[in-house]
Amino acid sequence: MNHRRVSPDALRAMTLDTQPWLSCDECFDRMDAYVERLLADPDHTDVPMATHLNACTACAEEADSLMALVRLDP
């Protein structure tokens, strides 16, 4: 039997409390507004979005890419 070790970061991500729950579809639907609000106010808080982005690498990468793209747009 091949046993693989789970990294501390992976373990944290798997056991992260994801409440309040937000699906990837809901996250994607809200992403443009979320990024715009963050750019306008870096202290903006959206708990469901932040919780989802902390737990979902795919959505977090999409948000980071959108943030970078919007910052470059004059």
N, C-alpha and C. Protein backbone atom coordinates (compact mmCIF):
# COMPACT_ATOMS: atom_id res chain seq x y z
N MET A 1 0.84 -1.17 0.00
CA MET A 1 0.00 0.00 0.00
C MET A 1 0.89 1.24 0.00
N ASN A 2 0.59 2.16 -0.89
CA ASN A 2 1.36 3.39 -1.02
C ASN A 2 0.67 4.49 -0.21
N HIS A 3 1.33 4.96 0.81
CA HIS A 3 0.79 6.03 1.65
C HIS A 3 1.42 7.35 1.24
N ARG A 4 0.59 8.33 1.01
CA ARG A 4 1.09 9.66 0.67
C ARG A 4 0.79 10.59 1.82
N ARG A 5 1.72 11.46 2.10
CA ARG A 5 1.52 12.45 3.14
C ARG A 5 0.78 13.65 2.57
N VAL A 6 -0.11 14.15 3.37
CA VAL A 6 -0.85 15.35 3.00
C VAL A 6 -0.13 16.53 3.64
N SER A 7 0.15 17.54 2.80
CA SER A 7 0.86 18.71 3.33
C SER A 7 -0.04 19.45 4.31
N PRO A 8 0.57 20.19 5.23
CA PRO A 8 -0.24 20.98 6.18
C PRO A 8 -1.18 21.96 5.46
N ASP A 9 -0.73 22.56 4.36
CA ASP A 9 -1.59 23.50 3.62
C ASP A 9 -2.77 22.77 3.00
N ALA A 10 -2.54 21.59 2.44
CA ALA A 10 -3.63 20.82 1.84
C ALA A 10 -4.62 20.37 2.91
N LEU A 11 -4.11 19.96 4.04
CA LEU A 11 -4.98 19.53 5.14
C LEU A 11 -5.84 20.69 5.64
N ARG A 12 -5.23 21.87 5.77
CA ARG A 12 -5.98 23.06 6.20
C ARG A 12 -7.09 23.38 5.19
N ALA A 13 -6.76 23.29 3.90
CA ALA A 13 -7.74 23.59 2.86
C ALA A 13 -8.90 22.59 2.88
N MET A 14 -8.59 21.32 3.16
CA MET A 14 -9.64 20.30 3.18
C MET A 14 -10.54 20.41 4.41
N THR A 15 -10.03 21.00 5.47
CA THR A 15 -10.81 21.08 6.71
C THR A 15 -11.29 22.49 7.00
N LEU A 16 -11.11 23.38 6.06
CA LEU A 16 -11.52 24.77 6.24
C LEU A 16 -13.03 24.88 6.37
N ASP A 17 -13.47 25.65 7.33
CA ASP A 17 -14.90 25.91 7.48
C ASP A 17 -15.32 26.83 6.35
N THR A 18 -16.16 26.33 5.47
CA THR A 18 -16.56 27.10 4.30
C THR A 18 -17.94 27.73 4.46
N GLN A 19 -18.38 27.94 5.68
CA GLN A 19 -19.64 28.63 5.92
C GLN A 19 -19.37 30.12 5.98
N PRO A 20 -20.09 31.00 5.41
CA PRO A 20 -21.29 30.73 4.64
C PRO A 20 -20.93 30.17 3.27
N TRP A 21 -21.68 29.17 2.82
CA TRP A 21 -21.37 28.44 1.61
C TRP A 21 -21.74 29.22 0.37
N LEU A 22 -20.87 29.17 -0.62
CA LEU A 22 -21.11 29.84 -1.90
C LEU A 22 -20.58 28.89 -2.96
N SER A 23 -21.37 28.56 -3.95
CA SER A 23 -20.93 27.65 -5.01
C SER A 23 -19.98 28.38 -5.96
N CYS A 24 -19.28 27.61 -6.78
CA CYS A 24 -18.40 28.22 -7.79
C CYS A 24 -19.21 29.06 -8.78
N ASP A 25 -20.40 28.57 -9.15
CA ASP A 25 -21.24 29.35 -10.07
C ASP A 25 -21.64 30.69 -9.45
N GLU A 26 -22.03 30.66 -8.19
CA GLU A 26 -22.41 31.90 -7.50
C GLU A 26 -21.20 32.82 -7.37
N CYS A 27 -20.06 32.25 -7.06
CA CYS A 27 -18.83 33.03 -6.95
C CYS A 27 -18.52 33.70 -8.28
N PHE A 28 -18.58 32.93 -9.36
CA PHE A 28 -18.29 33.47 -10.68
C PHE A 28 -19.27 34.59 -11.05
N ASP A 29 -20.55 34.40 -10.71
CA ASP A 29 -21.56 35.43 -10.98
C ASP A 29 -21.27 36.74 -10.25
N ARG A 30 -20.67 36.64 -9.08
CA ARG A 30 -20.41 37.82 -8.25
C ARG A 30 -19.01 38.40 -8.42
N MET A 31 -18.16 37.71 -9.18
CA MET A 31 -16.74 38.05 -9.21
C MET A 31 -16.44 39.45 -9.74
N ASP A 32 -17.10 39.87 -10.84
CA ASP A 32 -16.83 41.20 -11.39
C ASP A 32 -17.09 42.29 -10.36
N ALA A 33 -18.25 42.23 -9.73
CA ALA A 33 -18.61 43.23 -8.72
C ALA A 33 -17.66 43.18 -7.54
N TYR A 34 -17.28 41.97 -7.13
CA TYR A 34 -16.35 41.80 -6.01
C TYR A 34 -15.00 42.46 -6.30
N VAL A 35 -14.46 42.20 -7.48
CA VAL A 35 -13.16 42.78 -7.85
C VAL A 35 -13.26 44.30 -7.95
N GLU A 36 -14.32 44.80 -8.55
CA GLU A 36 -14.50 46.26 -8.65
C GLU A 36 -14.56 46.90 -7.27
N ARG A 37 -15.30 46.27 -6.35
CA ARG A 37 -15.40 46.83 -4.99
C ARG A 37 -14.06 46.78 -4.28
N LEU A 38 -13.31 45.70 -4.46
CA LEU A 38 -11.99 45.60 -3.82
C LEU A 38 -11.02 46.65 -4.36
N LEU A 39 -11.09 46.90 -5.65
CA LEU A 39 -10.21 47.92 -6.23
C LEU A 39 -10.59 49.32 -5.75
N ALA A 40 -11.89 49.56 -5.59
CA ALA A 40 -12.35 50.87 -5.10
C ALA A 40 -12.08 51.03 -3.61
N ASP A 41 -12.16 49.93 -2.86
CA ASP A 41 -11.98 49.96 -1.41
C ASP A 41 -11.28 48.69 -0.96
N PRO A 42 -9.96 48.73 -0.80
CA PRO A 42 -9.20 47.53 -0.40
C PRO A 42 -9.67 46.92 0.92
N ASP A 43 -10.40 47.69 1.73
CA ASP A 43 -10.91 47.17 2.99
C ASP A 43 -12.30 46.55 2.85
N HIS A 44 -12.83 46.51 1.63
CA HIS A 44 -14.16 45.93 1.38
C HIS A 44 -14.18 44.48 1.87
N THR A 45 -15.27 44.10 2.52
CA THR A 45 -15.42 42.75 3.04
C THR A 45 -16.67 42.11 2.47
N ASP A 46 -16.50 40.94 1.89
CA ASP A 46 -17.60 40.11 1.42
C ASP A 46 -17.28 38.71 1.94
N VAL A 47 -17.83 38.36 3.09
CA VAL A 47 -17.48 37.12 3.78
C VAL A 47 -17.72 35.88 2.92
N PRO A 48 -18.87 35.73 2.27
CA PRO A 48 -19.06 34.54 1.45
C PRO A 48 -18.02 34.42 0.32
N MET A 49 -17.72 35.53 -0.33
CA MET A 49 -16.71 35.49 -1.41
C MET A 49 -15.33 35.16 -0.85
N ALA A 50 -14.94 35.84 0.21
CA ALA A 50 -13.62 35.60 0.79
C ALA A 50 -13.48 34.16 1.26
N THR A 51 -14.54 33.63 1.86
CA THR A 51 -14.51 32.24 2.34
C THR A 51 -14.36 31.28 1.18
N HIS A 52 -15.12 31.50 0.12
CA HIS A 52 -15.04 30.63 -1.05
C HIS A 52 -13.66 30.72 -1.70
N LEU A 53 -13.15 31.93 -1.88
CA LEU A 53 -11.86 32.11 -2.54
C LEU A 53 -10.72 31.51 -1.72
N ASN A 54 -10.85 31.50 -0.40
CA ASN A 54 -9.83 30.87 0.44
C ASN A 54 -9.83 29.36 0.30
N ALA A 55 -10.99 28.79 -0.07
CA ALA A 55 -11.10 27.33 -0.14
C ALA A 55 -11.03 26.79 -1.56
N CYS A 56 -11.21 27.62 -2.57
CA CYS A 56 -11.30 27.16 -3.96
C CYS A 56 -10.19 27.78 -4.79
N THR A 57 -9.20 26.98 -5.10
CA THR A 57 -8.05 27.46 -5.86
C THR A 57 -8.44 27.97 -7.24
N ALA A 58 -9.34 27.27 -7.91
CA ALA A 58 -9.74 27.66 -9.26
C ALA A 58 -10.38 29.04 -9.27
N CYS A 59 -11.30 29.28 -8.36
CA CYS A 59 -11.96 30.59 -8.30
C CYS A 59 -10.98 31.68 -7.84
N ALA A 60 -10.10 31.34 -6.91
CA ALA A 60 -9.12 32.31 -6.43
C ALA A 60 -8.19 32.73 -7.58
N GLU A 61 -7.79 31.78 -8.41
CA GLU A 61 -6.94 32.11 -9.55
C GLU A 61 -7.69 32.99 -10.55
N GLU A 62 -8.96 32.70 -10.76
CA GLU A 62 -9.78 33.52 -11.65
C GLU A 62 -9.91 34.95 -11.11
N ALA A 63 -10.14 35.08 -9.81
CA ALA A 63 -10.24 36.40 -9.20
C ALA A 63 -8.92 37.15 -9.30
N ASP A 64 -7.81 36.47 -9.06
CA ASP A 64 -6.50 37.11 -9.18
C ASP A 64 -6.23 37.57 -10.61
N SER A 65 -6.59 36.74 -11.58
CA SER A 65 -6.39 37.10 -12.99
C SER A 65 -7.25 38.31 -13.36
N LEU A 66 -8.50 38.30 -12.91
CA LEU A 66 -9.39 39.43 -13.20
C LEU A 66 -8.88 40.70 -12.54
N MET A 67 -8.41 40.60 -11.32
CA MET A 67 -7.86 41.75 -10.60
C MET A 67 -6.67 42.33 -11.38
N ALA A 68 -5.77 41.47 -11.83
CA ALA A 68 -4.60 41.92 -12.59
C ALA A 68 -5.02 42.57 -13.90
N LEU A 69 -5.99 41.98 -14.58
CA LEU A 69 -6.46 42.51 -15.86
C LEU A 69 -7.10 43.89 -15.67
N VAL A 70 -7.93 44.03 -14.66
CA VAL A 70 -8.60 45.31 -14.42
C VAL A 70 -7.59 46.38 -14.03
N ARG A 71 -6.57 46.01 -13.29
CA ARG A 71 -5.54 46.99 -12.90
C ARG A 71 -4.77 47.50 -14.11
N LEU A 72 -4.64 46.68 -15.14
CA LEU A 72 -3.91 47.09 -16.35
C LEU A 72 -4.76 47.92 -17.28
N ASP A 73 -6.08 47.82 -17.18
CA ASP A 73 -6.99 48.52 -18.07
C ASP A 73 -7.01 50.01 -17.72
N PRO A 74 -6.63 50.88 -18.68
CA PRO A 74 -6.59 52.32 -18.38
C PRO A 74 -7.95 52.96 -18.28
